[in-house]
N, C-alpha and C. Protein backbone atom coordinates (compact mmCIF):
# COMPACT_ATOMS: atom_id res chain seq x y z
N MET A 1 63.18 92.95 91.68
CA MET A 1 64.22 92.08 91.12
C MET A 1 65.54 92.83 90.97
N ALA A 2 65.43 94.06 90.43
CA ALA A 2 66.62 94.89 90.24
C ALA A 2 67.27 95.20 91.57
N LYS A 3 66.42 95.41 92.60
CA LYS A 3 66.95 95.73 93.93
C LYS A 3 67.71 94.53 94.50
N LYS A 4 67.16 93.30 94.27
CA LYS A 4 67.83 92.10 94.76
C LYS A 4 69.19 91.90 94.07
N LEU A 5 69.23 92.16 92.77
CA LEU A 5 70.48 92.05 92.03
C LEU A 5 71.52 93.02 92.56
N GLN A 6 71.05 94.26 92.86
CA GLN A 6 71.95 95.28 93.37
C GLN A 6 72.50 94.87 94.74
N LEU A 7 71.61 94.31 95.59
CA LEU A 7 72.06 93.87 96.91
C LEU A 7 73.07 92.74 96.79
N GLY A 8 72.82 91.84 95.83
CA GLY A 8 73.75 90.74 95.59
C GLY A 8 75.11 91.25 95.14
N LYS A 9 75.09 92.27 94.27
CA LYS A 9 76.33 92.85 93.78
C LYS A 9 77.09 93.52 94.91
N GLU A 10 76.37 94.24 95.78
CA GLU A 10 77.02 94.91 96.89
C GLU A 10 77.64 93.90 97.86
N ARG A 11 76.94 92.76 98.06
CA ARG A 11 77.47 91.72 98.95
C ARG A 11 78.76 91.14 98.39
N GLN A 12 78.77 90.90 97.07
CA GLN A 12 79.97 90.37 96.43
C GLN A 12 81.14 91.33 96.57
N MET A 13 80.86 92.63 96.39
CA MET A 13 81.91 93.64 96.52
C MET A 13 82.46 93.66 97.94
N ALA A 14 81.55 93.51 98.92
CA ALA A 14 81.97 93.54 100.32
C ALA A 14 82.85 92.34 100.66
N GLU A 15 82.55 91.18 100.03
CA GLU A 15 83.28 89.97 100.33
C GLU A 15 84.62 89.89 99.60
N LYS A 16 84.79 90.68 98.57
CA LYS A 16 86.01 90.61 97.77
C LYS A 16 87.21 91.10 98.58
N THR A 17 88.26 90.30 98.60
CA THR A 17 89.48 90.70 99.30
C THR A 17 90.45 91.33 98.31
N GLY A 18 91.50 91.90 98.85
CA GLY A 18 92.53 92.49 97.99
C GLY A 18 93.46 91.43 97.45
N ARG A 19 94.56 91.89 96.91
CA ARG A 19 95.56 90.98 96.36
C ARG A 19 96.94 91.37 96.89
N PHE A 20 97.80 90.38 96.97
CA PHE A 20 99.15 90.58 97.49
C PHE A 20 100.12 90.14 96.39
N ILE A 21 100.87 91.10 95.84
CA ILE A 21 101.76 90.83 94.71
C ILE A 21 103.19 91.21 95.10
N ALA A 22 104.10 90.25 95.01
CA ALA A 22 105.49 90.48 95.38
C ALA A 22 106.38 90.47 94.14
N PHE A 23 107.28 91.44 94.07
CA PHE A 23 108.25 91.53 92.98
C PHE A 23 109.60 91.03 93.48
N GLU A 24 110.20 90.13 92.73
CA GLU A 24 111.49 89.57 93.09
C GLU A 24 112.49 89.80 91.96
N GLY A 25 113.77 89.72 92.29
CA GLY A 25 114.81 89.88 91.28
C GLY A 25 116.06 90.47 91.89
N ILE A 26 117.19 90.23 91.27
CA ILE A 26 118.45 90.77 91.78
C ILE A 26 118.49 92.28 91.61
N ASP A 27 119.38 92.93 92.34
CA ASP A 27 119.54 94.37 92.20
C ASP A 27 119.87 94.70 90.75
N GLY A 28 119.25 95.76 90.24
CA GLY A 28 119.47 96.15 88.86
C GLY A 28 118.43 95.58 87.91
N SER A 29 117.49 94.77 88.44
CA SER A 29 116.48 94.16 87.57
C SER A 29 115.33 95.11 87.25
N GLY A 30 115.20 96.20 88.00
CA GLY A 30 114.15 97.18 87.72
C GLY A 30 112.86 96.97 88.48
N LYS A 31 112.94 96.28 89.62
CA LYS A 31 111.72 96.00 90.39
C LYS A 31 111.00 97.27 90.82
N SER A 32 111.74 98.22 91.37
CA SER A 32 111.11 99.43 91.90
C SER A 32 110.37 100.20 90.81
N THR A 33 110.98 100.29 89.64
CA THR A 33 110.33 100.98 88.51
C THR A 33 109.05 100.27 88.12
N GLN A 34 109.09 98.95 88.05
CA GLN A 34 107.91 98.19 87.64
C GLN A 34 106.79 98.26 88.68
N ILE A 35 107.14 98.32 89.94
CA ILE A 35 106.13 98.48 90.99
C ILE A 35 105.40 99.81 90.80
N LYS A 36 106.16 100.87 90.55
CA LYS A 36 105.55 102.19 90.37
C LYS A 36 104.66 102.22 89.13
N LEU A 37 105.10 101.60 88.05
CA LEU A 37 104.30 101.57 86.83
C LEU A 37 103.02 100.77 87.02
N LEU A 38 103.11 99.67 87.76
CA LEU A 38 101.91 98.88 88.04
C LEU A 38 100.95 99.67 88.92
N ALA A 39 101.49 100.40 89.88
CA ALA A 39 100.65 101.23 90.75
C ALA A 39 99.89 102.27 89.94
N GLU A 40 100.56 102.85 88.94
CA GLU A 40 99.89 103.83 88.08
C GLU A 40 98.75 103.17 87.31
N LYS A 41 98.96 101.94 86.87
CA LYS A 41 97.94 101.21 86.13
C LYS A 41 96.74 100.90 87.03
N LEU A 42 97.01 100.53 88.25
CA LEU A 42 95.95 100.25 89.21
C LEU A 42 95.14 101.51 89.52
N LYS A 43 95.86 102.63 89.59
CA LYS A 43 95.18 103.91 89.83
C LYS A 43 94.24 104.24 88.68
N GLU A 44 94.68 103.99 87.45
CA GLU A 44 93.83 104.21 86.27
C GLU A 44 92.56 103.35 86.34
N GLN A 45 92.71 102.16 86.90
CA GLN A 45 91.57 101.23 87.02
C GLN A 45 90.75 101.51 88.28
N LYS A 46 91.15 102.56 89.01
CA LYS A 46 90.46 102.95 90.24
C LYS A 46 90.45 101.81 91.28
N LEU A 47 91.57 101.12 91.38
CA LEU A 47 91.73 100.04 92.35
C LEU A 47 92.61 100.52 93.51
N ALA A 48 92.13 100.33 94.71
CA ALA A 48 92.91 100.74 95.89
C ALA A 48 94.20 99.94 95.94
N HIS A 49 95.32 100.63 96.11
CA HIS A 49 96.60 99.94 96.14
C HIS A 49 97.54 100.59 97.15
N TYR A 50 98.52 99.82 97.56
CA TYR A 50 99.48 100.29 98.56
C TYR A 50 100.84 99.67 98.25
N ILE A 51 101.88 100.49 98.27
CA ILE A 51 103.24 100.01 98.00
C ILE A 51 104.01 99.94 99.31
N THR A 52 104.65 98.82 99.57
CA THR A 52 105.51 98.71 100.74
C THR A 52 106.86 98.16 100.30
N MET A 53 107.90 98.87 100.62
CA MET A 53 109.25 98.46 100.26
C MET A 53 109.94 97.86 101.49
N GLU A 54 111.03 97.19 101.28
CA GLU A 54 111.77 96.68 102.41
C GLU A 54 113.14 97.31 102.46
N PRO A 55 113.78 97.33 103.60
CA PRO A 55 113.25 96.94 104.90
C PRO A 55 112.29 98.00 105.46
N THR A 56 111.63 97.66 106.57
CA THR A 56 110.76 98.61 107.24
C THR A 56 111.60 99.63 108.00
N ASP A 57 110.93 100.59 108.61
CA ASP A 57 111.67 101.58 109.40
C ASP A 57 111.72 101.18 110.88
N SER A 58 111.46 99.90 111.16
CA SER A 58 111.57 99.39 112.53
C SER A 58 113.06 99.28 112.89
N PRO A 59 113.38 99.07 114.17
CA PRO A 59 114.80 98.88 114.54
C PRO A 59 115.46 97.76 113.75
N ILE A 60 114.72 96.68 113.49
CA ILE A 60 115.28 95.58 112.70
C ILE A 60 115.56 96.05 111.29
N GLY A 61 114.60 96.77 110.70
CA GLY A 61 114.78 97.27 109.34
C GLY A 61 115.96 98.22 109.23
N CYS A 62 116.12 99.08 110.23
CA CYS A 62 117.25 100.03 110.22
C CYS A 62 118.58 99.28 110.30
N LEU A 63 118.61 98.21 111.10
CA LEU A 63 119.83 97.41 111.20
C LEU A 63 120.14 96.73 109.87
N ILE A 64 119.10 96.22 109.19
CA ILE A 64 119.30 95.60 107.88
C ILE A 64 119.89 96.61 106.89
N GLN A 65 119.36 97.82 106.91
CA GLN A 65 119.87 98.87 106.02
C GLN A 65 121.36 99.10 106.27
N GLN A 66 121.73 99.13 107.54
CA GLN A 66 123.14 99.34 107.88
C GLN A 66 124.01 98.19 107.39
N ILE A 67 123.48 96.98 107.46
CA ILE A 67 124.22 95.81 106.98
C ILE A 67 124.36 95.86 105.46
N LEU A 68 123.28 96.21 104.78
CA LEU A 68 123.30 96.26 103.32
C LEU A 68 124.27 97.31 102.79
N THR A 69 124.44 98.38 103.52
CA THR A 69 125.34 99.45 103.07
C THR A 69 126.75 99.28 103.63
N GLY A 70 126.98 98.19 104.37
CA GLY A 70 128.33 97.89 104.84
C GLY A 70 128.74 98.55 106.13
N ARG A 71 127.85 99.30 106.77
CA ARG A 71 128.21 99.97 108.01
C ARG A 71 128.27 99.01 109.19
N VAL A 72 127.51 97.92 109.09
CA VAL A 72 127.53 96.88 110.13
C VAL A 72 127.89 95.56 109.47
N LYS A 73 128.84 94.84 110.06
CA LYS A 73 129.28 93.57 109.51
C LYS A 73 128.72 92.42 110.33
N THR A 74 128.20 91.39 109.66
CA THR A 74 127.73 90.20 110.35
C THR A 74 127.69 89.04 109.36
N ASP A 75 127.32 87.86 109.84
CA ASP A 75 127.30 86.72 108.93
C ASP A 75 125.89 86.52 108.35
N ASN A 76 125.81 85.63 107.35
CA ASN A 76 124.56 85.44 106.62
C ASN A 76 123.43 84.88 107.47
N LYS A 77 123.77 84.03 108.44
CA LYS A 77 122.72 83.45 109.28
C LYS A 77 121.99 84.54 110.08
N VAL A 78 122.76 85.50 110.58
CA VAL A 78 122.16 86.60 111.33
C VAL A 78 121.28 87.45 110.41
N VAL A 79 121.80 87.76 109.22
CA VAL A 79 121.04 88.58 108.28
C VAL A 79 119.75 87.88 107.88
N ALA A 80 119.81 86.59 107.63
CA ALA A 80 118.63 85.83 107.23
C ALA A 80 117.56 85.88 108.32
N ALA A 81 117.98 85.74 109.58
CA ALA A 81 117.04 85.81 110.69
C ALA A 81 116.41 87.20 110.79
N LEU A 82 117.21 88.24 110.55
CA LEU A 82 116.69 89.61 110.57
C LEU A 82 115.66 89.83 109.47
N PHE A 83 115.95 89.30 108.27
CA PHE A 83 115.01 89.43 107.16
C PHE A 83 113.69 88.73 107.50
N ALA A 84 113.76 87.56 108.11
CA ALA A 84 112.54 86.83 108.48
C ALA A 84 111.71 87.63 109.47
N ALA A 85 112.38 88.26 110.43
CA ALA A 85 111.67 89.11 111.41
C ALA A 85 111.06 90.33 110.73
N ASP A 86 111.79 90.90 109.75
CA ASP A 86 111.29 92.07 109.03
C ASP A 86 110.05 91.71 108.22
N ARG A 87 110.01 90.46 107.68
CA ARG A 87 108.83 89.99 106.94
C ARG A 87 107.60 90.04 107.81
N LEU A 88 107.75 89.57 109.05
CA LEU A 88 106.62 89.54 109.97
C LEU A 88 106.13 90.95 110.27
N ASP A 89 107.07 91.91 110.38
CA ASP A 89 106.66 93.29 110.61
C ASP A 89 105.88 93.83 109.42
N HIS A 90 106.32 93.49 108.20
CA HIS A 90 105.58 93.88 107.01
C HIS A 90 104.15 93.32 107.05
N LEU A 91 104.03 92.09 107.49
CA LEU A 91 102.73 91.42 107.49
C LEU A 91 101.77 91.98 108.52
N LEU A 92 102.26 92.15 109.74
CA LEU A 92 101.37 92.36 110.87
C LEU A 92 101.48 93.74 111.51
N ASN A 93 102.17 94.66 110.87
CA ASN A 93 102.30 96.02 111.40
C ASN A 93 100.91 96.61 111.68
N ASP A 94 100.76 97.24 112.84
CA ASP A 94 99.45 97.75 113.25
C ASP A 94 98.89 98.80 112.30
N VAL A 95 99.77 99.60 111.70
CA VAL A 95 99.32 100.70 110.85
C VAL A 95 99.30 100.33 109.38
N ASN A 96 100.38 99.78 108.88
CA ASN A 96 100.51 99.53 107.45
C ASN A 96 100.77 98.06 107.11
N GLY A 97 100.28 97.17 107.94
CA GLY A 97 100.52 95.75 107.72
C GLY A 97 99.91 95.23 106.42
N ILE A 98 100.64 94.36 105.74
CA ILE A 98 100.17 93.79 104.47
C ILE A 98 98.86 93.05 104.66
N LYS A 99 98.79 92.19 105.65
CA LYS A 99 97.60 91.36 105.83
C LYS A 99 96.35 92.20 106.06
N GLU A 100 96.46 93.20 106.92
CA GLU A 100 95.31 94.06 107.22
C GLU A 100 94.82 94.76 105.96
N LYS A 101 95.72 95.24 105.13
CA LYS A 101 95.33 95.97 103.93
C LYS A 101 94.73 95.03 102.88
N VAL A 102 95.32 93.85 102.72
CA VAL A 102 94.77 92.89 101.76
C VAL A 102 93.38 92.45 102.20
N ASP A 103 93.21 92.19 103.49
CA ASP A 103 91.90 91.79 104.00
C ASP A 103 90.85 92.88 103.78
N ALA A 104 91.30 94.14 103.75
CA ALA A 104 90.38 95.25 103.56
C ALA A 104 90.10 95.54 102.08
N GLY A 105 90.70 94.75 101.18
CA GLY A 105 90.41 94.91 99.75
C GLY A 105 91.43 95.68 98.95
N THR A 106 92.59 95.94 99.53
CA THR A 106 93.63 96.70 98.85
C THR A 106 94.58 95.77 98.08
N VAL A 107 95.07 96.23 96.93
CA VAL A 107 96.11 95.51 96.20
C VAL A 107 97.45 95.98 96.76
N VAL A 108 98.16 95.10 97.42
CA VAL A 108 99.44 95.46 98.05
C VAL A 108 100.59 94.99 97.15
N LEU A 109 101.49 95.91 96.83
CA LEU A 109 102.66 95.62 96.01
C LEU A 109 103.90 95.74 96.90
N THR A 110 104.75 94.74 96.87
CA THR A 110 105.95 94.81 97.69
C THR A 110 107.20 94.43 96.90
N ASP A 111 108.29 95.09 97.22
CA ASP A 111 109.59 94.82 96.61
C ASP A 111 110.26 93.74 97.45
N ARG A 112 110.14 92.51 97.01
CA ARG A 112 110.66 91.34 97.70
C ARG A 112 109.80 91.03 98.92
N TYR A 113 109.63 89.75 99.13
CA TYR A 113 108.86 89.35 100.31
C TYR A 113 109.36 88.00 100.80
N TYR A 114 108.66 86.96 100.43
CA TYR A 114 109.01 85.64 100.94
C TYR A 114 110.39 85.18 100.49
N PHE A 115 110.78 85.56 99.27
CA PHE A 115 112.04 85.07 98.73
C PHE A 115 113.23 85.99 99.01
N SER A 116 113.03 87.08 99.72
CA SER A 116 114.14 88.00 99.90
C SER A 116 115.29 87.34 100.65
N SER A 117 114.98 86.55 101.65
CA SER A 117 116.04 85.87 102.37
C SER A 117 116.71 84.81 101.50
N TYR A 118 115.95 84.20 100.60
CA TYR A 118 116.57 83.30 99.64
C TYR A 118 117.63 84.07 98.84
N ALA A 119 117.21 85.20 98.29
CA ALA A 119 118.08 85.95 97.39
C ALA A 119 119.37 86.38 98.05
N TYR A 120 119.27 86.88 99.28
CA TYR A 120 120.47 87.40 99.93
C TYR A 120 121.33 86.32 100.58
N GLN A 121 120.68 85.27 101.08
CA GLN A 121 121.44 84.33 101.90
C GLN A 121 121.80 83.01 101.22
N CYS A 122 121.21 82.70 100.09
CA CYS A 122 121.51 81.41 99.46
C CYS A 122 122.95 81.35 98.97
N VAL A 123 123.64 82.47 98.97
CA VAL A 123 125.04 82.46 98.58
C VAL A 123 125.84 81.52 99.50
N ASP A 124 125.57 81.57 100.80
CA ASP A 124 126.37 80.79 101.75
C ASP A 124 125.54 79.97 102.73
N MET A 125 124.23 79.95 102.56
CA MET A 125 123.36 79.33 103.55
C MET A 125 122.50 78.25 102.91
N PRO A 126 122.40 77.07 103.52
CA PRO A 126 121.60 75.99 102.95
C PRO A 126 120.14 76.40 102.79
N MET A 127 119.53 76.00 101.68
CA MET A 127 118.16 76.38 101.39
C MET A 127 117.19 75.91 102.48
N GLU A 128 117.46 74.75 103.08
CA GLU A 128 116.56 74.24 104.11
C GLU A 128 116.43 75.22 105.27
N GLN A 129 117.54 75.85 105.64
CA GLN A 129 117.51 76.82 106.74
C GLN A 129 116.72 78.06 106.36
N VAL A 130 116.89 78.49 105.11
CA VAL A 130 116.18 79.69 104.66
C VAL A 130 114.68 79.43 104.62
N ILE A 131 114.29 78.26 104.12
CA ILE A 131 112.87 77.89 104.07
C ILE A 131 112.28 77.87 105.47
N ALA A 132 113.01 77.30 106.41
CA ALA A 132 112.53 77.23 107.79
C ALA A 132 112.33 78.62 108.38
N LEU A 133 113.25 79.53 108.10
CA LEU A 133 113.14 80.90 108.61
C LEU A 133 111.92 81.62 108.04
N ASN A 134 111.58 81.32 106.80
CA ASN A 134 110.46 81.98 106.15
C ASN A 134 109.11 81.30 106.41
N GLN A 135 109.14 80.17 107.10
CA GLN A 135 107.93 79.36 107.26
C GLN A 135 106.80 80.13 107.95
N GLN A 136 107.14 80.86 109.00
CA GLN A 136 106.10 81.55 109.77
C GLN A 136 105.37 82.58 108.91
N SER A 137 106.12 83.36 108.14
CA SER A 137 105.49 84.37 107.29
C SER A 137 104.62 83.71 106.22
N SER A 138 105.10 82.63 105.63
CA SER A 138 104.35 81.99 104.56
C SER A 138 103.07 81.36 105.08
N GLU A 139 103.06 80.94 106.35
CA GLU A 139 101.84 80.36 106.91
C GLU A 139 100.79 81.43 107.17
N ILE A 140 101.25 82.65 107.46
CA ILE A 140 100.30 83.75 107.70
C ILE A 140 99.68 84.23 106.39
N MET A 141 100.51 84.44 105.37
CA MET A 141 100.00 84.90 104.09
C MET A 141 101.02 84.69 102.99
N ARG A 142 100.62 83.98 101.96
CA ARG A 142 101.46 83.84 100.77
C ARG A 142 101.03 84.87 99.74
N PRO A 143 101.97 85.38 98.95
CA PRO A 143 101.57 86.29 97.86
C PRO A 143 100.64 85.58 96.87
N ASP A 144 99.69 86.33 96.33
CA ASP A 144 98.84 85.79 95.26
C ASP A 144 99.67 85.58 94.00
N LEU A 145 100.74 86.37 93.89
CA LEU A 145 101.60 86.26 92.71
C LEU A 145 103.01 86.75 93.05
N ASN A 146 104.01 85.96 92.68
CA ASN A 146 105.41 86.39 92.75
C ASN A 146 105.87 86.69 91.32
N ILE A 147 106.26 87.92 91.06
CA ILE A 147 106.77 88.29 89.75
C ILE A 147 108.29 88.37 89.84
N PHE A 148 108.95 87.45 89.14
CA PHE A 148 110.41 87.43 89.14
C PHE A 148 110.90 88.08 87.85
N ILE A 149 111.53 89.25 87.98
CA ILE A 149 112.09 89.94 86.83
C ILE A 149 113.51 89.44 86.66
N ASP A 150 113.70 88.59 85.68
CA ASP A 150 114.99 87.93 85.49
C ASP A 150 115.90 88.80 84.62
N ILE A 151 117.17 88.81 84.97
CA ILE A 151 118.13 89.63 84.22
C ILE A 151 119.52 89.03 84.44
N ASP A 152 120.37 89.07 83.43
CA ASP A 152 121.70 88.51 83.59
C ASP A 152 122.55 89.42 84.48
N ALA A 153 123.52 88.82 85.12
CA ALA A 153 124.34 89.54 86.11
C ALA A 153 125.11 90.70 85.49
N GLY A 154 125.58 90.54 84.26
CA GLY A 154 126.35 91.61 83.61
C GLY A 154 125.53 92.86 83.40
N THR A 155 124.33 92.71 82.86
CA THR A 155 123.45 93.86 82.65
C THR A 155 123.05 94.49 83.97
N ALA A 156 122.77 93.65 84.96
CA ALA A 156 122.40 94.16 86.28
C ALA A 156 123.52 95.00 86.87
N MET A 157 124.75 94.53 86.77
CA MET A 157 125.89 95.26 87.31
C MET A 157 126.08 96.59 86.61
N GLU A 158 125.90 96.61 85.30
CA GLU A 158 126.00 97.87 84.54
C GLU A 158 124.99 98.89 85.05
N ARG A 159 123.77 98.43 85.30
CA ARG A 159 122.72 99.34 85.79
C ARG A 159 123.04 99.84 87.19
N ILE A 160 123.53 98.95 88.03
CA ILE A 160 123.87 99.34 89.40
C ILE A 160 124.98 100.39 89.41
N MET A 161 126.03 100.16 88.65
CA MET A 161 127.17 101.08 88.62
C MET A 161 126.79 102.42 88.00
N LYS A 162 125.84 102.39 87.09
CA LYS A 162 125.44 103.62 86.40
C LYS A 162 124.54 104.48 87.26
N ASN A 163 123.70 103.84 88.07
CA ASN A 163 122.66 104.58 88.77
C ASN A 163 122.83 104.68 90.28
N ARG A 164 123.87 104.06 90.83
CA ARG A 164 124.02 104.07 92.27
C ARG A 164 125.42 104.48 92.70
N TYR A 165 125.46 105.14 93.86
CA TYR A 165 126.74 105.45 94.46
C TYR A 165 127.21 104.28 95.33
N GLN A 166 126.24 103.54 95.84
CA GLN A 166 126.54 102.44 96.74
C GLN A 166 126.10 101.13 96.10
N VAL A 167 127.01 100.18 95.98
CA VAL A 167 126.69 98.92 95.33
C VAL A 167 126.13 97.90 96.33
N GLU A 168 125.99 98.28 97.59
CA GLU A 168 125.46 97.42 98.64
C GLU A 168 126.28 96.13 98.74
N LEU A 169 125.61 95.01 98.92
CA LEU A 169 126.33 93.75 99.09
C LEU A 169 126.94 93.24 97.79
N PHE A 170 126.38 93.70 96.68
CA PHE A 170 126.74 93.09 95.41
C PHE A 170 127.92 93.81 94.77
N GLU A 171 129.11 93.49 95.21
CA GLU A 171 130.30 94.17 94.74
C GLU A 171 130.89 93.52 93.50
N LYS A 172 130.45 92.28 93.22
CA LYS A 172 131.01 91.55 92.09
C LYS A 172 129.90 90.92 91.27
N LYS A 173 130.14 90.83 89.99
CA LYS A 173 129.17 90.22 89.08
C LYS A 173 128.90 88.77 89.48
N SER A 174 129.94 88.08 89.94
CA SER A 174 129.78 86.68 90.32
C SER A 174 128.79 86.52 91.48
N ARG A 175 128.79 87.51 92.38
CA ARG A 175 127.86 87.45 93.52
C ARG A 175 126.43 87.64 93.04
N LEU A 176 126.24 88.56 92.10
CA LEU A 176 124.91 88.76 91.53
C LEU A 176 124.41 87.47 90.88
N GLU A 177 125.29 86.80 90.16
CA GLU A 177 124.88 85.58 89.47
C GLU A 177 124.55 84.48 90.47
N ARG A 178 125.31 84.39 91.53
CA ARG A 178 125.02 83.39 92.56
C ARG A 178 123.69 83.68 93.24
N THR A 179 123.39 84.96 93.44
CA THR A 179 122.11 85.35 94.02
C THR A 179 120.96 84.98 93.08
N ARG A 180 121.17 85.23 91.80
CA ARG A 180 120.17 84.86 90.79
C ARG A 180 119.90 83.36 90.83
N GLU A 181 120.97 82.58 90.94
CA GLU A 181 120.82 81.13 91.00
C GLU A 181 120.09 80.71 92.29
N GLY A 182 120.30 81.49 93.36
CA GLY A 182 119.56 81.23 94.60
C GLY A 182 118.07 81.35 94.39
N TYR A 183 117.67 82.39 93.67
CA TYR A 183 116.26 82.56 93.32
C TYR A 183 115.75 81.34 92.56
N ARG A 184 116.52 80.93 91.57
CA ARG A 184 116.09 79.81 90.73
C ARG A 184 115.90 78.53 91.55
N GLU A 185 116.82 78.30 92.47
CA GLU A 185 116.68 77.13 93.33
C GLU A 185 115.43 77.23 94.19
N ALA A 186 115.20 78.43 94.74
CA ALA A 186 114.01 78.65 95.57
C ALA A 186 112.74 78.40 94.77
N PHE A 187 112.68 78.93 93.57
CA PHE A 187 111.48 78.76 92.74
C PHE A 187 111.25 77.29 92.41
N GLU A 188 112.32 76.57 92.14
CA GLU A 188 112.20 75.15 91.80
C GLU A 188 111.65 74.36 92.99
N ARG A 189 112.14 74.69 94.17
CA ARG A 189 111.69 73.97 95.37
C ARG A 189 110.26 74.31 95.75
N MET A 190 109.84 75.54 95.45
CA MET A 190 108.51 75.98 95.84
C MET A 190 107.49 75.83 94.70
N LYS A 191 107.91 75.19 93.63
CA LYS A 191 107.03 74.99 92.49
C LYS A 191 105.78 74.21 92.92
N GLY A 192 104.62 74.70 92.53
CA GLY A 192 103.38 74.06 92.94
C GLY A 192 102.81 74.62 94.22
N ILE A 193 103.63 75.38 94.97
CA ILE A 193 103.17 76.01 96.22
C ILE A 193 103.01 77.50 96.02
N GLU A 194 104.03 78.13 95.41
CA GLU A 194 103.98 79.56 95.11
C GLU A 194 103.62 79.77 93.65
N LYS A 195 102.83 80.80 93.39
CA LYS A 195 102.52 81.17 92.01
C LYS A 195 103.59 82.15 91.54
N ILE A 196 104.38 81.73 90.56
CA ILE A 196 105.53 82.51 90.12
C ILE A 196 105.46 82.75 88.62
N VAL A 197 105.66 84.01 88.22
CA VAL A 197 105.75 84.37 86.81
C VAL A 197 107.13 84.95 86.57
N VAL A 198 107.85 84.42 85.61
CA VAL A 198 109.19 84.92 85.27
C VAL A 198 109.09 85.82 84.05
N ILE A 199 109.63 87.02 84.16
CA ILE A 199 109.57 88.01 83.08
C ILE A 199 110.99 88.42 82.70
N ASP A 200 111.25 88.50 81.42
CA ASP A 200 112.58 88.87 80.91
C ASP A 200 112.84 90.35 81.19
N GLY A 201 113.72 90.60 82.17
CA GLY A 201 114.00 91.98 82.57
C GLY A 201 115.00 92.70 81.71
N THR A 202 115.57 92.01 80.70
CA THR A 202 116.53 92.68 79.82
C THR A 202 115.82 93.48 78.72
N ARG A 203 114.51 93.33 78.62
CA ARG A 203 113.75 94.08 77.61
C ARG A 203 113.56 95.53 78.06
N THR A 204 112.89 96.33 77.23
CA THR A 204 112.68 97.74 77.59
C THR A 204 111.73 97.83 78.79
N VAL A 205 111.77 98.96 79.47
CA VAL A 205 110.90 99.18 80.63
C VAL A 205 109.44 98.99 80.23
N GLU A 206 109.08 99.51 79.07
CA GLU A 206 107.68 99.42 78.61
C GLU A 206 107.28 97.98 78.32
N GLU A 207 108.19 97.22 77.72
CA GLU A 207 107.88 95.82 77.40
C GLU A 207 107.70 94.99 78.67
N VAL A 208 108.56 95.25 79.65
CA VAL A 208 108.45 94.53 80.92
C VAL A 208 107.13 94.91 81.61
N ALA A 209 106.79 96.20 81.60
CA ALA A 209 105.56 96.67 82.23
C ALA A 209 104.33 96.01 81.60
N PHE A 210 104.36 95.83 80.28
CA PHE A 210 103.25 95.18 79.58
C PHE A 210 103.10 93.73 80.05
N LYS A 211 104.22 93.02 80.18
CA LYS A 211 104.19 91.64 80.64
C LYS A 211 103.71 91.54 82.09
N VAL A 212 104.13 92.50 82.91
CA VAL A 212 103.69 92.54 84.30
C VAL A 212 102.17 92.69 84.36
N TRP A 213 101.64 93.62 83.57
CA TRP A 213 100.20 93.87 83.57
C TRP A 213 99.44 92.64 83.08
N GLU A 214 99.99 91.95 82.08
CA GLU A 214 99.37 90.73 81.59
C GLU A 214 99.27 89.68 82.71
N ALA A 215 100.30 89.60 83.54
CA ALA A 215 100.31 88.61 84.62
C ALA A 215 99.36 88.98 85.75
N VAL A 216 99.22 90.28 86.00
CA VAL A 216 98.42 90.74 87.13
C VAL A 216 96.93 90.78 86.84
N GLN A 217 96.56 91.14 85.61
CA GLN A 217 95.15 91.32 85.25
C GLN A 217 94.21 90.20 85.68
N PRO A 218 94.59 88.92 85.46
CA PRO A 218 93.66 87.84 85.85
C PRO A 218 93.32 87.81 87.35
N LEU A 219 94.16 88.42 88.18
CA LEU A 219 93.92 88.42 89.63
C LEU A 219 92.91 89.47 90.07
N LEU A 220 92.70 90.48 89.24
CA LEU A 220 91.92 91.63 89.66
C LEU A 220 90.42 91.47 89.38
């Protein structure tokens, strides 16, 4: 009997898949810090995990980096298309693809995913176009959880100016706020389709980390 129970337990473990958790939020919201803190928590729990940031180091990803730092100038439609292509590389990369790792039982944490094109392009681009660009990635794999770390534009700008030499695309507080509103519109439209948790990012790092862990625990 004990042997049968053990075999049943092993079968369940073999069938268990990983989880895909995406962190969203405007620059200065503290996404990268929270991803690292969650990874430490997963390590304590002895759960296999993998962090993937964007953009990738593919030619598309390198071009996006150049655009974000102002070395290459282009319009929002082009950037949105590049982000959509970069999403697919994140998903299906032969070595470090999100889907392959999640299927193998790993908890994958990513800094922006499905909504990244919303965040950057909703400033000047209709939401319908952004949704269409992201459709292919969302059909392949949706995140098990989108964690949106919300923060007001003023606080975000203070953090950016304090900790960065390069402000990237966000040169004005008004642009940060418009990007934040882009997220909100995206979440409203995807309500009922995407699982989204909004966390107050103006709190201390420790308080935000606690809320993140509360949101993630039920998935594990």
